[in-house]
Amino acid sequence: MLVRPRSGRVVAGVCAGLADRFGLSRTLVRLLFVLSFLLPGTQLIIYVVLWVLVPSEGTDRAARRRGL
């Protein structure tokens, strides 16, 4: 399940959450995200949407998504 962790956040925890979910290094995901800004696209909009939609670890919304 994709959640934004409370520890290890740099901005909102989106990159850390994606790294944890897919078993990647948090540093690698952050680096890829920053490098993606060199390409034209909607990276910032996607980040903000994920920030809003992905629940933070330990919240009621995260518990409901896990079915607890």
PDB file of N, CA and C in Angstrom:
ATOM      1  N   MET A   1       0.840  -1.175   0.000  1.00  0.00           N
ATOM      2  CA  MET A   1       0.000   0.000   0.000  1.00  0.00           C
ATOM      3  C   MET A   1       0.890   1.246   0.000  1.00  0.00           C
ATOM      4  N   LEU A   2       0.462   2.219  -0.715  1.00  0.00           N
ATOM      5  CA  LEU A   2       1.218   3.465  -0.829  1.00  0.00           C
ATOM      6  C   LEU A   2       0.767   4.443   0.251  1.00  0.00           C
ATOM      7  N   VAL A   3       1.692   4.790   1.148  1.00  0.00           N
ATOM      8  CA  VAL A   3       1.454   5.807   2.172  1.00  0.00           C
ATOM      9  C   VAL A   3       2.691   6.692   2.248  1.00  0.00           C
ATOM     10  N   ARG A   4       2.489   7.908   2.701  1.00  0.00           N
ATOM     11  CA  ARG A   4       3.609   8.831   2.904  1.00  0.00           C
ATOM     12  C   ARG A   4       4.125   8.635   4.328  1.00  0.00           C
ATOM     13  N   PRO A   5       5.379   8.182   4.487  1.00  0.00           N
ATOM     14  CA  PRO A   5       5.897   7.915   5.832  1.00  0.00           C
ATOM     15  C   PRO A   5       6.070   9.196   6.635  1.00  0.00           C
ATOM     16  N   ARG A   6       5.965   9.058   7.949  1.00  0.00           N
ATOM     17  CA  ARG A   6       6.165  10.224   8.823  1.00  0.00           C
ATOM     18  C   ARG A   6       7.649  10.543   9.002  1.00  0.00           C
ATOM     19  N   SER A   7       8.493   9.521   8.960  1.00  0.00           N
ATOM     20  CA  SER A   7       9.934   9.762   9.121  1.00  0.00           C
ATOM     21  C   SER A   7      10.608   9.714   7.757  1.00  0.00           C
ATOM     22  N   GLY A   8      11.636  10.504   7.597  1.00  0.00           N
ATOM     23  CA  GLY A   8      12.394  10.508   6.358  1.00  0.00           C
ATOM     24  C   GLY A   8      11.810  11.379   5.263  1.00  0.00           C
ATOM     25  N   ARG A   9      10.879  12.230   5.605  1.00  0.00           N
ATOM     26  CA  ARG A   9      10.296  13.145   4.617  1.00  0.00           C
ATOM     27  C   ARG A   9      11.275  14.263   4.314  1.00  0.00           C
ATOM     28  N   VAL A  10      11.254  14.718   3.066  1.00  0.00           N
ATOM     29  CA  VAL A  10      12.026  15.907   2.717  1.00  0.00           C
ATOM     30  C   VAL A  10      11.051  17.054   2.468  1.00  0.00           C
ATOM     31  N   VAL A  11      10.065  16.843   1.618  1.00  0.00           N
ATOM     32  CA  VAL A  11       9.041  17.861   1.390  1.00  0.00           C
ATOM     33  C   VAL A  11       7.716  17.354   1.945  1.00  0.00           C
ATOM     34  N   ALA A  12       7.116  16.391   1.271  1.00  0.00           N
ATOM     35  CA  ALA A  12       5.830  15.871   1.724  1.00  0.00           C
ATOM     36  C   ALA A  12       5.846  14.365   1.918  1.00  0.00           C
ATOM     37  N   GLY A  13       6.927  13.721   1.548  1.00  0.00           N
ATOM     38  CA  GLY A  13       7.028  12.286   1.721  1.00  0.00           C
ATOM     39  C   GLY A  13       6.561  11.471   0.539  1.00  0.00           C
ATOM     40  N   VAL A  14       6.248  12.117  -0.573  1.00  0.00           N
ATOM     41  CA  VAL A  14       5.763  11.401  -1.752  1.00  0.00           C
ATOM     42  C   VAL A  14       6.861  10.506  -2.320  1.00  0.00           C
ATOM     43  N   CYS A  15       8.048  11.033  -2.504  1.00  0.00           N
ATOM     44  CA  CYS A  15       9.151  10.221  -3.047  1.00  0.00           C
ATOM     45  C   CYS A  15       9.524   9.099  -2.089  1.00  0.00           C
ATOM     46  N   ALA A  16       9.539   9.377  -0.793  1.00  0.00           N
ATOM     47  CA  ALA A  16       9.852   8.346   0.196  1.00  0.00           C
ATOM     48  C   ALA A  16       8.792   7.248   0.178  1.00  0.00           C
ATOM     49  N   GLY A  17       7.536   7.630   0.047  1.00  0.00           N
ATOM     50  CA  GLY A  17       6.461   6.648  -0.023  1.00  0.00           C
ATOM     51  C   GLY A  17       6.551   5.777  -1.264  1.00  0.00           C
ATOM     52  N   LEU A  18       6.851   6.394  -2.399  1.00  0.00           N
ATOM     53  CA  LEU A  18       7.018   5.622  -3.640  1.00  0.00           C
ATOM     54  C   LEU A  18       8.213   4.681  -3.533  1.00  0.00           C
ATOM     55  N   ALA A  19       9.307   5.151  -2.952  1.00  0.00           N
ATOM     56  CA  ALA A  19      10.502   4.312  -2.803  1.00  0.00           C
ATOM     57  C   ALA A  19      10.210   3.116  -1.899  1.00  0.00           C
ATOM     58  N   ASP A  20       9.542   3.358  -0.790  1.00  0.00           N
ATOM     59  CA  ASP A  20       9.208   2.264   0.125  1.00  0.00           C
ATOM     60  C   ASP A  20       8.263   1.264  -0.533  1.00  0.00           C
ATOM     61  N   ARG A  21       7.286   1.754  -1.267  1.00  0.00           N
ATOM     62  CA  ARG A  21       6.287   0.875  -1.901  1.00  0.00           C
ATOM     63  C   ARG A  21       6.921  -0.049  -2.929  1.00  0.00           C
ATOM     64  N   PHE A  22       7.886   0.461  -3.700  1.00  0.00           N
ATOM     65  CA  PHE A  22       8.470  -0.323  -4.776  1.00  0.00           C
ATOM     66  C   PHE A  22       9.851  -0.879  -4.432  1.00  0.00           C
ATOM     67  N   GLY A  23      10.282  -0.732  -3.172  1.00  0.00           N
ATOM     68  CA  GLY A  23      11.541  -1.308  -2.723  1.00  0.00           C
ATOM     69  C   GLY A  23      12.779  -0.665  -3.316  1.00  0.00           C
ATOM     70  N   LEU A  24      12.721   0.624  -3.547  1.00  0.00           N
ATOM     71  CA  LEU A  24      13.845   1.362  -4.111  1.00  0.00           C
ATOM     72  C   LEU A  24      14.468   2.256  -3.045  1.00  0.00           C
ATOM     73  N   SER A  25      15.628   2.771  -3.343  1.00  0.00           N
ATOM     74  CA  SER A  25      16.299   3.711  -2.461  1.00  0.00           C
ATOM     75  C   SER A  25      15.558   5.054  -2.500  1.00  0.00           C
ATOM     76  N   ARG A  26      15.338   5.640  -1.343  1.00  0.00           N
ATOM     77  CA  ARG A  26      14.678   6.947  -1.287  1.00  0.00           C
ATOM     78  C   ARG A  26      15.499   7.995  -2.031  1.00  0.00           C
ATOM     79  N   THR A  27      16.816   7.922  -1.899  1.00  0.00           N
ATOM     80  CA  THR A  27      17.694   8.875  -2.574  1.00  0.00           C
ATOM     81  C   THR A  27      17.566   8.750  -4.086  1.00  0.00           C
ATOM     82  N   LEU A  28      17.492   7.520  -4.584  1.00  0.00           N
ATOM     83  CA  LEU A  28      17.357   7.303  -6.024  1.00  0.00           C
ATOM     84  C   LEU A  28      16.049   7.889  -6.549  1.00  0.00           C
ATOM     85  N   VAL A  29      14.959   7.661  -5.846  1.00  0.00           N
ATOM     86  CA  VAL A  29      13.664   8.177  -6.292  1.00  0.00           C
ATOM     87  C   VAL A  29      13.669   9.702  -6.269  1.00  0.00           C
ATOM     88  N   ARG A  30      14.244  10.288  -5.230  1.00  0.00           N
ATOM     89  CA  ARG A  30      14.327  11.759  -5.155  1.00  0.00           C
ATOM     90  C   ARG A  30      15.183  12.314  -6.288  1.00  0.00           C
ATOM     91  N   LEU A  31      16.292  11.648  -6.561  1.00  0.00           N
ATOM     92  CA  LEU A  31      17.179  12.092  -7.634  1.00  0.00           C
ATOM     93  C   LEU A  31      16.473  12.008  -8.987  1.00  0.00           C
ATOM     94  N   LEU A  32      15.781  10.907  -9.234  1.00  0.00           N
ATOM     95  CA  LEU A  32      15.037  10.765 -10.490  1.00  0.00           C
ATOM     96  C   LEU A  32      13.952  11.821 -10.621  1.00  0.00           C
ATOM     97  N   PHE A  33      13.294  12.129  -9.513  1.00  0.00           N
ATOM     98  CA  PHE A  33      12.260  13.164  -9.549  1.00  0.00           C
ATOM     99  C   PHE A  33      12.852  14.527  -9.882  1.00  0.00           C
ATOM    100  N   VAL A  34      13.968  14.871  -9.256  1.00  0.00           N
ATOM    101  CA  VAL A  34      14.605  16.166  -9.526  1.00  0.00           C
ATOM    102  C   VAL A  34      15.105  16.221 -10.968  1.00  0.00           C
ATOM    103  N   LEU A  35      15.704  15.129 -11.438  1.00  0.00           N
ATOM    104  CA  LEU A  35      16.184  15.087 -12.827  1.00  0.00           C
ATOM    105  C   LEU A  35      15.036  15.167 -13.831  1.00  0.00           C
ATOM    106  N   SER A  36      13.858  14.690 -13.441  1.00  0.00           N
ATOM    107  CA  SER A  36      12.718  14.737 -14.360  1.00  0.00           C
ATOM    108  C   SER A  36      12.308  16.177 -14.684  1.00  0.00           C
ATOM    109  N   PHE A  37      12.708  17.128 -13.849  1.00  0.00           N
ATOM    110  CA  PHE A  37      12.387  18.525 -14.124  1.00  0.00           C
ATOM    111  C   PHE A  37      13.145  19.069 -15.325  1.00  0.00           C
ATOM    112  N   LEU A  38      14.169  18.358 -15.771  1.00  0.00           N
ATOM    113  CA  LEU A  38      14.881  18.775 -16.973  1.00  0.00           C
ATOM    114  C   LEU A  38      14.065  18.505 -18.236  1.00  0.00           C
ATOM    115  N   LEU A  39      13.082  17.630 -18.121  1.00  0.00           N
ATOM    116  CA  LEU A  39      12.211  17.289 -19.242  1.00  0.00           C
ATOM    117  C   LEU A  39      10.914  18.086 -19.151  1.00  0.00           C
ATOM    118  N   PRO A  40      10.327  18.419 -20.277  1.00  0.00           N
ATOM    119  CA  PRO A  40       9.038  19.104 -20.223  1.00  0.00           C
ATOM    120  C   PRO A  40       7.959  18.138 -19.734  1.00  0.00           C
ATOM    121  N   GLY A  41       7.039  18.651 -18.955  1.00  0.00           N
ATOM    122  CA  GLY A  41       5.963  17.795 -18.476  1.00  0.00           C
ATOM    123  C   GLY A  41       5.280  18.373 -17.256  1.00  0.00           C
ATOM    124  N   THR A  42       4.505  17.528 -16.620  1.00  0.00           N
ATOM    125  CA  THR A  42       3.658  17.954 -15.507  1.00  0.00           C
ATOM    126  C   THR A  42       4.123  17.347 -14.187  1.00  0.00           C
ATOM    127  N   GLN A  43       5.419  17.246 -13.973  1.00  0.00           N
ATOM    128  CA  GLN A  43       5.956  16.610 -12.785  1.00  0.00           C
ATOM    129  C   GLN A  43       5.460  17.259 -11.495  1.00  0.00           C
ATOM    130  N   LEU A  44       5.472  18.563 -11.441  1.00  0.00           N
ATOM    131  CA  LEU A  44       5.059  19.260 -10.219  1.00  0.00           C
ATOM    132  C   LEU A  44       3.578  19.018  -9.934  1.00  0.00           C
ATOM    133  N   ILE A  45       2.754  19.035 -10.955  1.00  0.00           N
ATOM    134  CA  ILE A  45       1.327  18.789 -10.774  1.00  0.00           C
ATOM    135  C   ILE A  45       1.098  17.370 -10.256  1.00  0.00           C
ATOM    136  N   ILE A  46       1.809  16.390 -10.814  1.00  0.00           N
ATOM    137  CA  ILE A  46       1.682  15.008 -10.364  1.00  0.00           C
ATOM    138  C   ILE A  46       2.107  14.892  -8.905  1.00  0.00           C
ATOM    139  N   TYR A  47       3.185  15.549  -8.522  1.00  0.00           N
ATOM    140  CA  TYR A  47       3.661  15.514  -7.135  1.00  0.00           C
ATOM    141  C   TYR A  47       2.597  16.068  -6.190  1.00  0.00           C
ATOM    142  N   VAL A  48       2.016  17.198  -6.544  1.00  0.00           N
ATOM    143  CA  VAL A  48       1.000  17.820  -5.691  1.00  0.00           C
ATOM    144  C   VAL A  48      -0.238  16.930  -5.602  1.00  0.00           C
ATOM    145  N   VAL A  49      -0.644  16.325  -6.708  1.00  0.00           N
ATOM    146  CA  VAL A  49      -1.810  15.428  -6.691  1.00  0.00           C
ATOM    147  C   VAL A  49      -1.534  14.228  -5.782  1.00  0.00           C
ATOM    148  N   LEU A  50      -0.340  13.645  -5.885  1.00  0.00           N
ATOM    149  CA  LEU A  50       0.006  12.529  -5.010  1.00  0.00           C
ATOM    150  C   LEU A  50       0.058  12.966  -3.545  1.00  0.00           C
ATOM    151  N   TRP A  51       0.533  14.166  -3.304  1.00  0.00           N
ATOM    152  CA  TRP A  51       0.597  14.709  -1.943  1.00  0.00           C
ATOM    153  C   TRP A  51      -0.805  14.757  -1.336  1.00  0.00           C
ATOM    154  N   VAL A  52      -1.772  15.149  -2.148  1.00  0.00           N
ATOM    155  CA  VAL A  52      -3.151  15.265  -1.669  1.00  0.00           C
ATOM    156  C   VAL A  52      -3.821  13.896  -1.544  1.00  0.00           C
ATOM    157  N   LEU A  53      -3.596  13.007  -2.513  1.00  0.00           N
ATOM    158  CA  LEU A  53      -4.321  11.736  -2.557  1.00  0.00           C
ATOM    159  C   LEU A  53      -3.730  10.625  -1.696  1.00  0.00           C
ATOM    160  N   VAL A  54      -2.411  10.585  -1.549  1.00  0.00           N
ATOM    161  CA  VAL A  54      -1.775   9.498  -0.794  1.00  0.00           C
ATOM    162  C   VAL A  54      -1.832   9.847   0.692  1.00  0.00           C
ATOM    163  N   PRO A  55      -2.416   8.956   1.496  1.00  0.00           N
ATOM    164  CA  PRO A  55      -2.542   9.259   2.929  1.00  0.00           C
ATOM    165  C   PRO A  55      -1.203   9.206   3.647  1.00  0.00           C
ATOM    166  N   SER A  56      -1.116   9.986   4.704  1.00  0.00           N
ATOM    167  CA  SER A  56       0.072   9.982   5.541  1.00  0.00           C
ATOM    168  C   SER A  56       0.025   8.769   6.464  1.00  0.00           C
ATOM    169  N   GLU A  57       1.168   8.200   6.747  1.00  0.00           N
ATOM    170  CA  GLU A  57       1.267   7.027   7.605  1.00  0.00           C
ATOM    171  C   GLU A  57       0.684   7.328   8.989  1.00  0.00           C
ATOM    172  N   GLY A  58      -0.134   6.430   9.495  1.00  0.00           N
ATOM    173  CA  GLY A  58      -0.699   6.590  10.827  1.00  0.00           C
ATOM    174  C   GLY A  58      -1.994   7.377  10.881  1.00  0.00           C
ATOM    175  N   THR A  59      -2.531   7.789   9.753  1.00  0.00           N
ATOM    176  CA  THR A  59      -3.794   8.524   9.754  1.00  0.00           C
ATOM    177  C   THR A  59      -4.962   7.563   9.606  1.00  0.00           C
ATOM    178  N   ASP A  60      -6.166   8.037   9.915  1.00  0.00           N
ATOM    179  CA  ASP A  60      -7.366   7.226   9.762  1.00  0.00           C
ATOM    180  C   ASP A  60      -7.574   6.827   8.304  1.00  0.00           C
ATOM    181  N   ARG A  61      -7.267   7.729   7.397  1.00  0.00           N
ATOM    182  CA  ARG A  61      -7.443   7.441   5.975  1.00  0.00           C
ATOM    183  C   ARG A  61      -6.524   6.314   5.529  1.00  0.00           C
ATOM    184  N   ALA A  62      -5.300   6.266   6.036  1.00  0.00           N
ATOM    185  CA  ALA A  62      -4.368   5.187   5.696  1.00  0.00           C
ATOM    186  C   ALA A  62      -4.862   3.867   6.261  1.00  0.00           C
ATOM    187  N   ALA A  63      -5.412   3.887   7.472  1.00  0.00           N
ATOM    188  CA  ALA A  63      -5.930   2.663   8.087  1.00  0.00           C
ATOM    189  C   ALA A  63      -7.133   2.132   7.315  1.00  0.00           C
ATOM    190  N   ARG A  64      -7.981   3.015   6.834  1.00  0.00           N
ATOM    191  CA  ARG A  64      -9.158   2.595   6.063  1.00  0.00           C
ATOM    192  C   ARG A  64      -8.736   1.966   4.735  1.00  0.00           C
ATOM    193  N   ARG A  65      -7.683   2.496   4.121  1.00  0.00           N
ATOM    194  CA  ARG A  65      -7.220   1.930   2.839  1.00  0.00           C
ATOM    195  C   ARG A  65      -6.666   0.523   3.032  1.00  0.00           C
ATOM    196  N   ARG A  66      -6.112   0.243   4.221  1.00  0.00           N
ATOM    197  CA  ARG A  66      -5.597  -1.091   4.504  1.00  0.00           C
ATOM    198  C   ARG A  66      -6.702  -2.024   4.954  1.00  0.00           C
ATOM    199  N   GLY A  67      -7.864  -1.492   5.250  1.00  0.00           N
ATOM    200  CA  GLY A  67      -8.986  -2.316   5.664  1.00  0.00           C
ATOM    201  C   GLY A  67      -8.985  -2.631   7.148  1.00  0.00           C
ATOM    202  N   LEU A  68      -8.361  -1.774   7.948  1.00  0.00           N
ATOM    203  CA  LEU A  68      -8.328  -1.999   9.407  1.00  0.00           C
ATOM    204  C   LEU A  68      -9.465  -1.287  10.087  1.00  0.00           C
TER     205      LEU A  68
END
